[in-house]
Amino acid sequence: MKLRFVASLTLPATLVMGFLITGVPMAAHHGNVAYDTSKAVVLKGATVTKFVWANPHCFVMFDAKDGKGNVQHWAGEAGSPSSLGPIGWSSTAVQPGDVITVYIYASKTGNPVGRLNKIVLADGTELKDSALGYRDEK
């Protein structure tokens, strides 16, 4: 009888600990500490080179000129397809060759990567990122 009672207490405790332990890496994954979210960098006239519509994040790769006129190859991270779909994105929303304006929270390292704030298509359509804390940058 004592053995069954102890076993019935340890199973729920083990399950709770398992859920807590697996949740920690997931929370760490979704931090934005790598990006300067104080102000979005605006890159006008960027040309899309690739659009990846996949889990866990979508990516827009594009070429944009820096202040000296040199072309930089950028990668912008956005939310997952399931979070972007309901706010107007689709797997065909952005195509290679499209000329767009990109509002991006750039990497603190200075590398041409970042978290998208929004993109503006040639026809004026705005596609915002699904990230919490989205701010409308002008």
Protein backbone atom coordinates (compact mmCIF):
# COMPACT_ATOMS: atom_id res chain seq x y z
CA MET A 1 0.00 0.00 0.00
CA LYS A 2 2.81 2.45 0.87
CA LEU A 3 4.58 1.74 -2.41
CA ARG A 4 1.47 2.60 -4.46
CA PHE A 5 0.96 5.84 -2.51
CA VAL A 6 4.58 7.00 -3.06
CA ALA A 7 4.43 6.08 -6.74
CA SER A 8 1.20 8.06 -7.21
CA LEU A 9 2.87 11.17 -5.72
CA THR A 10 6.07 10.94 -7.74
CA LEU A 11 4.47 10.56 -11.16
CA PRO A 12 2.69 13.97 -11.11
CA ALA A 13 5.79 15.63 -9.65
CA THR A 14 7.93 14.10 -12.41
CA LEU A 15 5.53 15.31 -15.09
CA VAL A 16 5.47 18.85 -13.67
CA MET A 17 9.27 18.98 -13.52
CA GLY A 18 9.51 17.67 -17.07
CA PHE A 19 7.19 20.41 -18.37
CA LEU A 20 9.13 23.08 -16.47
CA ILE A 21 12.49 21.89 -17.76
CA THR A 22 11.38 21.72 -21.41
CA GLY A 23 9.77 25.16 -21.22
CA VAL A 24 13.00 26.96 -20.31
CA PRO A 25 14.78 26.57 -23.67
CA MET A 26 11.62 27.60 -25.53
CA ALA A 27 11.37 30.87 -23.58
CA ALA A 28 15.04 31.60 -24.18
CA HIS A 29 14.61 31.06 -27.93
CA HIS A 30 12.09 33.87 -28.26
CA GLY A 31 14.16 36.68 -26.81
CA ASN A 32 14.98 39.79 -28.82
CA VAL A 33 18.21 40.67 -27.04
CA ALA A 34 20.22 40.27 -30.28
CA TYR A 35 18.36 43.12 -32.00
CA ASP A 36 18.30 46.86 -31.35
CA THR A 37 14.55 47.29 -30.91
CA SER A 38 14.79 50.97 -29.92
CA LYS A 39 14.35 52.07 -33.55
CA ALA A 40 13.80 50.32 -36.85
CA VAL A 41 16.28 50.85 -39.67
CA VAL A 42 14.51 51.83 -42.91
CA LEU A 43 15.90 50.32 -46.11
CA LYS A 44 14.18 51.77 -49.19
CA GLY A 45 14.47 50.21 -52.63
CA ALA A 46 15.49 46.79 -51.32
CA THR A 47 15.26 43.91 -53.80
CA VAL A 48 13.96 40.57 -52.54
CA THR A 49 16.33 37.69 -53.34
CA LYS A 50 14.53 34.89 -51.46
CA PHE A 51 11.45 34.37 -49.28
CA VAL A 52 11.31 31.40 -46.92
CA TRP A 53 7.81 30.51 -45.72
CA ALA A 54 8.59 27.87 -43.09
CA ASN A 55 8.47 27.06 -39.40
CA PRO A 56 9.60 28.14 -36.92
CA HIS A 57 10.23 31.53 -38.62
CA CYS A 58 9.79 33.04 -42.05
CA PHE A 59 12.70 34.92 -43.60
CA VAL A 60 12.92 37.62 -46.23
CA MET A 61 16.35 37.84 -47.85
CA PHE A 62 17.02 41.03 -49.76
CA ASP A 63 19.73 43.28 -51.17
CA ALA A 64 19.92 46.91 -50.07
CA LYS A 65 22.52 49.62 -50.55
CA ASP A 66 24.36 51.02 -47.54
CA GLY A 67 25.23 54.69 -47.05
CA LYS A 68 28.22 54.36 -49.42
CA GLY A 69 26.21 52.75 -52.22
CA ASN A 70 27.56 49.25 -51.61
CA VAL A 71 25.06 46.38 -51.87
CA GLN A 72 24.53 44.44 -48.64
CA HIS A 73 22.82 41.05 -48.52
CA TRP A 74 20.29 41.15 -45.66
CA ALA A 75 18.19 38.51 -43.91
CA GLY A 76 15.07 39.57 -42.03
CA GLU A 77 13.39 37.23 -39.58
CA ALA A 78 9.62 37.26 -39.08
CA GLY A 79 7.07 35.13 -37.26
CA SER A 80 5.83 31.68 -38.21
CA PRO A 81 3.46 31.06 -41.12
CA SER A 82 0.63 30.38 -38.66
CA SER A 83 1.11 33.79 -37.04
CA LEU A 84 1.70 35.74 -40.26
CA GLY A 85 -1.14 34.24 -42.33
CA PRO A 86 -3.99 35.82 -40.35
CA ILE A 87 -2.42 39.29 -40.70
CA GLY A 88 -2.15 39.27 -44.50
CA TRP A 89 0.99 37.32 -45.36
CA SER A 90 1.01 34.23 -47.60
CA SER A 91 3.60 31.97 -49.16
CA THR A 92 3.44 34.14 -52.29
CA ALA A 93 3.18 37.59 -50.66
CA VAL A 94 6.80 38.39 -51.47
CA GLN A 95 8.64 37.17 -54.56
CA PRO A 96 12.29 37.35 -55.64
CA GLY A 97 12.75 40.52 -57.66
CA ASP A 98 10.12 42.52 -55.75
CA VAL A 99 11.31 45.98 -54.75
CA ILE A 100 10.23 46.74 -51.18
CA THR A 101 10.85 49.08 -48.28
CA VAL A 102 12.02 47.25 -45.18
CA TYR A 103 11.66 48.40 -41.57
CA ILE A 104 13.95 46.15 -39.58
CA TYR A 105 15.37 45.95 -36.07
CA ALA A 106 19.02 45.42 -36.95
CA SER A 107 21.42 43.10 -35.18
CA LYS A 108 23.47 44.69 -32.42
CA THR A 109 26.57 43.07 -33.94
CA GLY A 110 26.38 45.23 -37.06
CA ASN A 111 25.77 42.25 -39.34
CA PRO A 112 23.06 42.74 -42.00
CA VAL A 113 20.45 40.64 -40.22
CA GLY A 114 17.52 41.55 -38.04
CA ARG A 115 13.92 41.13 -36.96
CA LEU A 116 11.39 42.58 -39.36
CA ASN A 117 9.11 45.31 -38.11
CA LYS A 118 7.23 45.56 -41.40
CA ILE A 119 7.75 45.61 -45.14
CA VAL A 120 6.00 47.84 -47.65
CA LEU A 121 5.36 46.42 -51.10
CA ALA A 122 5.61 48.48 -54.30
CA ASP A 123 1.80 48.95 -54.35
CA GLY A 124 1.86 50.39 -50.81
CA THR A 125 0.62 47.25 -49.04
CA GLU A 126 2.13 46.95 -45.55
CA LEU A 127 2.95 43.51 -44.16
CA LYS A 128 3.66 43.76 -40.45
CA ASP A 129 5.49 41.20 -38.37
CA SER A 130 3.54 39.19 -35.82
CA ALA A 131 5.99 39.86 -32.96
CA LEU A 132 4.60 41.13 -29.71
CA GLY A 133 5.62 44.68 -29.04
CA TYR A 134 5.23 45.69 -32.69
CA ARG A 135 5.53 49.47 -33.02
CA ASP A 136 4.47 51.40 -36.10
CA GLU A 137 7.72 52.97 -37.28
CA LYS A 138 7.49 56.02 -39.53
